[in-house]
N, C-alpha and C. Protein backbone atom coordinates (compact mmCIF):
# COMPACT_ATOMS: atom_id res chain seq x y z
N MET A 1 101.17 96.19 93.53
CA MET A 1 100.14 95.25 93.87
C MET A 1 99.94 95.28 95.38
N ILE A 2 98.72 95.24 95.79
CA ILE A 2 98.40 95.22 97.21
C ILE A 2 97.47 94.06 97.48
N THR A 3 97.77 93.32 98.51
CA THR A 3 96.83 92.32 99.01
C THR A 3 96.51 92.72 100.45
N TRP A 4 95.30 92.50 100.82
CA TRP A 4 94.86 92.96 102.13
C TRP A 4 93.95 91.91 102.75
N ALA A 5 94.09 91.68 104.02
CA ALA A 5 93.19 90.76 104.72
C ALA A 5 92.93 91.32 106.11
N TRP A 6 91.67 91.57 106.41
CA TRP A 6 91.29 92.01 107.75
C TRP A 6 91.13 90.78 108.62
N PHE A 7 91.59 90.87 109.84
CA PHE A 7 91.29 89.82 110.81
C PHE A 7 89.85 90.01 111.24
N SER A 8 89.14 88.93 111.40
CA SER A 8 87.75 89.03 111.82
C SER A 8 87.67 89.38 113.31
N TYR A 9 86.49 89.79 113.71
CA TYR A 9 86.20 90.17 115.09
C TYR A 9 86.73 89.11 116.06
N GLU A 10 87.29 89.56 117.17
CA GLU A 10 87.82 88.73 118.25
C GLU A 10 89.08 87.96 117.86
N HIS A 11 89.81 88.42 116.85
CA HIS A 11 91.07 87.78 116.49
C HIS A 11 92.28 88.61 116.89
N TYR A 12 92.05 89.72 117.56
CA TYR A 12 93.15 90.52 118.09
C TYR A 12 93.26 90.26 119.58
N VAL A 13 94.49 90.10 120.02
CA VAL A 13 94.74 89.92 121.45
C VAL A 13 95.75 90.98 121.85
N HIS A 14 95.44 91.71 122.92
CA HIS A 14 96.32 92.76 123.41
C HIS A 14 96.47 92.60 124.91
N HIS A 15 97.70 92.44 125.37
CA HIS A 15 97.99 92.21 126.80
C HIS A 15 97.20 91.02 127.33
N GLY A 16 97.07 89.97 126.52
CA GLY A 16 96.42 88.74 126.95
C GLY A 16 94.91 88.75 126.91
N ALA A 17 94.30 89.83 126.44
CA ALA A 17 92.85 89.91 126.38
C ALA A 17 92.39 90.13 124.94
N VAL A 18 91.27 89.52 124.58
CA VAL A 18 90.70 89.71 123.24
C VAL A 18 90.17 91.13 123.14
N VAL A 19 90.47 91.79 122.03
CA VAL A 19 89.98 93.14 121.79
C VAL A 19 89.25 93.18 120.46
N ASP A 20 88.42 94.21 120.27
CA ASP A 20 87.59 94.30 119.07
C ASP A 20 88.38 94.61 117.80
N LYS A 21 89.48 95.35 117.92
CA LYS A 21 90.22 95.77 116.74
C LYS A 21 91.70 95.92 117.08
N GLN A 22 92.48 96.13 116.06
CA GLN A 22 93.92 96.33 116.25
C GLN A 22 94.15 97.54 117.14
N GLN A 23 95.04 97.41 118.07
CA GLN A 23 95.39 98.51 118.96
C GLN A 23 96.38 99.44 118.27
N GLN A 24 96.30 100.72 118.56
CA GLN A 24 97.14 101.70 117.88
C GLN A 24 98.61 101.63 118.28
N GLY A 25 98.91 101.06 119.44
CA GLY A 25 100.28 101.05 119.90
C GLY A 25 100.95 99.69 119.87
N SER A 26 100.31 98.71 119.26
CA SER A 26 100.91 97.38 119.20
C SER A 26 100.47 96.67 117.93
N HIS A 27 101.07 95.52 117.68
CA HIS A 27 100.70 94.71 116.53
C HIS A 27 100.66 95.55 115.25
N PRO A 28 101.81 96.08 114.83
CA PRO A 28 101.81 96.95 113.66
C PRO A 28 101.34 96.24 112.39
N VAL A 29 100.82 97.04 111.49
CA VAL A 29 100.50 96.54 110.16
C VAL A 29 101.82 96.20 109.49
N LEU A 30 101.93 95.00 108.95
CA LEU A 30 103.17 94.55 108.32
C LEU A 30 103.04 94.69 106.81
N ILE A 31 104.01 95.38 106.22
CA ILE A 31 103.99 95.63 104.79
C ILE A 31 105.33 95.19 104.21
N GLU A 32 105.27 94.47 103.11
CA GLU A 32 106.49 94.11 102.39
C GLU A 32 106.46 94.85 101.06
N LEU A 33 107.44 95.68 100.85
CA LEU A 33 107.62 96.40 99.60
C LEU A 33 108.62 95.63 98.75
N ILE A 34 108.15 95.09 97.64
CA ILE A 34 109.04 94.38 96.71
C ILE A 34 109.21 95.28 95.50
N ALA A 35 110.45 95.67 95.25
CA ALA A 35 110.75 96.59 94.15
C ALA A 35 112.08 96.20 93.52
N PRO A 36 112.31 96.62 92.27
CA PRO A 36 113.57 96.28 91.60
C PRO A 36 114.80 96.67 92.42
N ASN A 37 115.82 95.83 92.38
CA ASN A 37 117.03 96.07 93.16
C ASN A 37 117.81 97.30 92.69
N TYR A 38 117.51 97.80 91.50
CA TYR A 38 118.24 98.97 91.01
C TYR A 38 117.66 100.28 91.54
N TYR A 39 116.57 100.23 92.31
CA TYR A 39 116.05 101.45 92.92
C TYR A 39 117.08 101.97 93.92
N SER A 40 117.28 103.27 93.92
CA SER A 40 118.22 103.87 94.85
C SER A 40 117.65 103.85 96.27
N HIS A 41 118.54 104.06 97.23
CA HIS A 41 118.12 104.16 98.64
C HIS A 41 117.06 105.25 98.78
N ASP A 42 117.25 106.38 98.11
CA ASP A 42 116.29 107.48 98.19
C ASP A 42 114.93 107.08 97.60
N ASN A 43 114.94 106.32 96.48
CA ASN A 43 113.68 105.85 95.89
C ASN A 43 112.93 104.94 96.85
N VAL A 44 113.65 104.01 97.47
CA VAL A 44 113.03 103.07 98.41
C VAL A 44 112.48 103.83 99.61
N LYS A 45 113.26 104.76 100.14
CA LYS A 45 112.82 105.56 101.28
C LYS A 45 111.56 106.35 100.92
N PHE A 46 111.56 106.95 99.73
CA PHE A 46 110.39 107.71 99.27
C PHE A 46 109.15 106.82 99.21
N LEU A 47 109.30 105.61 98.63
CA LEU A 47 108.17 104.69 98.53
C LEU A 47 107.65 104.28 99.89
N MET A 48 108.56 103.99 100.83
CA MET A 48 108.13 103.61 102.18
C MET A 48 107.35 104.74 102.85
N GLU A 49 107.87 105.96 102.74
CA GLU A 49 107.18 107.11 103.34
C GLU A 49 105.81 107.32 102.68
N LEU A 50 105.76 107.18 101.36
CA LEU A 50 104.51 107.35 100.63
C LEU A 50 103.48 106.31 101.06
N ILE A 51 103.90 105.06 101.17
CA ILE A 51 103.00 103.99 101.59
C ILE A 51 102.48 104.25 102.99
N ALA A 52 103.36 104.58 103.93
CA ALA A 52 102.95 104.83 105.31
C ALA A 52 101.99 106.01 105.39
N THR A 53 102.29 107.08 104.66
CA THR A 53 101.42 108.26 104.66
C THR A 53 100.05 107.93 104.08
N ASP A 54 100.03 107.22 102.97
CA ASP A 54 98.77 106.88 102.32
C ASP A 54 97.90 105.99 103.21
N ILE A 55 98.51 104.98 103.80
CA ILE A 55 97.74 104.08 104.66
C ILE A 55 97.20 104.82 105.88
N SER A 56 98.05 105.59 106.54
CA SER A 56 97.60 106.28 107.76
C SER A 56 96.60 107.40 107.45
N SER A 57 96.62 107.92 106.22
CA SER A 57 95.68 108.97 105.84
C SER A 57 94.31 108.42 105.47
N ASN A 58 94.27 107.18 105.01
CA ASN A 58 93.02 106.62 104.51
C ASN A 58 92.40 105.54 105.38
N LEU A 59 93.15 105.06 106.35
CA LEU A 59 92.64 104.02 107.24
C LEU A 59 92.86 104.43 108.69
N PRO A 60 92.11 103.87 109.61
CA PRO A 60 92.31 104.23 111.02
C PRO A 60 93.52 103.52 111.62
N ILE A 61 94.68 103.78 111.02
CA ILE A 61 95.93 103.17 111.48
C ILE A 61 96.94 104.29 111.70
N ASN A 62 97.50 104.34 112.89
CA ASN A 62 98.50 105.34 113.21
C ASN A 62 99.77 105.09 112.42
N ARG A 63 100.35 106.12 111.89
CA ARG A 63 101.59 106.02 111.10
C ARG A 63 102.70 105.34 111.90
N ASN A 64 102.72 105.54 113.21
CA ASN A 64 103.73 104.93 114.07
C ASN A 64 103.48 103.44 114.31
N ASN A 65 102.36 102.93 113.81
CA ASN A 65 102.03 101.52 114.00
C ASN A 65 102.04 100.79 112.66
N ILE A 66 102.96 101.21 111.79
CA ILE A 66 103.15 100.58 110.48
C ILE A 66 104.60 100.12 110.39
N PHE A 67 104.79 98.89 109.94
CA PHE A 67 106.13 98.32 109.79
C PHE A 67 106.29 97.93 108.32
N ILE A 68 107.32 98.48 107.66
CA ILE A 68 107.55 98.20 106.25
C ILE A 68 108.96 97.63 106.07
N ILE A 69 109.05 96.57 105.30
CA ILE A 69 110.35 96.00 104.96
C ILE A 69 110.47 96.01 103.44
N TYR A 70 111.66 96.35 102.96
CA TYR A 70 111.95 96.36 101.53
C TYR A 70 112.66 95.07 101.15
N THR A 71 112.13 94.40 100.15
CA THR A 71 112.77 93.22 99.59
C THR A 71 113.13 93.53 98.14
N PRO A 72 114.43 93.52 97.83
CA PRO A 72 114.82 93.81 96.45
C PRO A 72 114.48 92.65 95.52
N ALA A 73 113.96 92.99 94.35
CA ALA A 73 113.69 92.00 93.31
C ALA A 73 114.80 92.11 92.27
N TYR A 74 115.40 90.99 91.95
CA TYR A 74 116.55 90.99 91.04
C TYR A 74 116.15 90.56 89.63
N SER A 75 116.86 91.10 88.65
CA SER A 75 116.67 90.70 87.27
C SER A 75 116.84 89.19 87.17
N GLU A 76 115.93 88.58 86.45
CA GLU A 76 115.87 87.13 86.28
C GLU A 76 115.54 86.40 87.57
N GLY A 77 115.05 87.13 88.57
CA GLY A 77 114.61 86.54 89.83
C GLY A 77 113.11 86.68 90.01
N ILE A 78 112.43 87.15 88.97
CA ILE A 78 110.98 87.36 89.01
C ILE A 78 110.35 86.63 87.83
N TYR A 79 109.28 85.94 88.09
CA TYR A 79 108.49 85.32 87.01
C TYR A 79 107.18 86.07 86.97
N ASP A 80 106.85 86.66 85.82
CA ASP A 80 105.64 87.46 85.70
C ASP A 80 105.15 87.41 84.26
N GLN A 81 103.87 87.35 84.08
CA GLN A 81 103.22 87.38 82.77
C GLN A 81 103.78 86.31 81.82
N GLY A 82 104.04 85.14 82.35
CA GLY A 82 104.42 84.01 81.53
C GLY A 82 105.89 83.86 81.21
N HIS A 83 106.74 84.68 81.83
CA HIS A 83 108.18 84.54 81.57
C HIS A 83 109.01 85.12 82.71
N VAL A 84 110.27 84.74 82.72
CA VAL A 84 111.22 85.29 83.70
C VAL A 84 111.57 86.70 83.23
N VAL A 85 111.49 87.66 84.15
CA VAL A 85 111.71 89.06 83.82
C VAL A 85 113.21 89.38 83.87
N ASN A 86 113.69 90.04 82.86
CA ASN A 86 115.07 90.50 82.79
C ASN A 86 115.03 92.01 82.63
N TRP A 87 115.64 92.75 83.56
CA TRP A 87 115.59 94.22 83.51
C TRP A 87 116.14 94.77 82.20
N GLU A 88 117.16 94.12 81.65
CA GLU A 88 117.79 94.61 80.43
C GLU A 88 116.86 94.51 79.21
N ASP A 89 115.85 93.63 79.29
CA ASP A 89 114.91 93.46 78.18
C ASP A 89 113.90 94.61 78.11
N ASN A 90 113.80 95.38 79.18
CA ASN A 90 112.76 96.43 79.25
C ASN A 90 113.26 97.73 78.75
């Protein structure tokens, strides 16, 4: 799932001055990757790299100006589609 919100014109400030758009070397795009806690370190790393590559390839955002944090989702710690999700039920 992706949610996205653009800041409107004149809502970026860089070095104390209002600028038209996000600067390439500051104010990184913040991304939270929420995925099952049973994903391996390699799986999480792969997803982070994939997300950064996809965003920087399709939007005018430098790959070095993307910040991603992984938040593990635990079995019975997620409520979705009308019930608490249990990994063992799947």
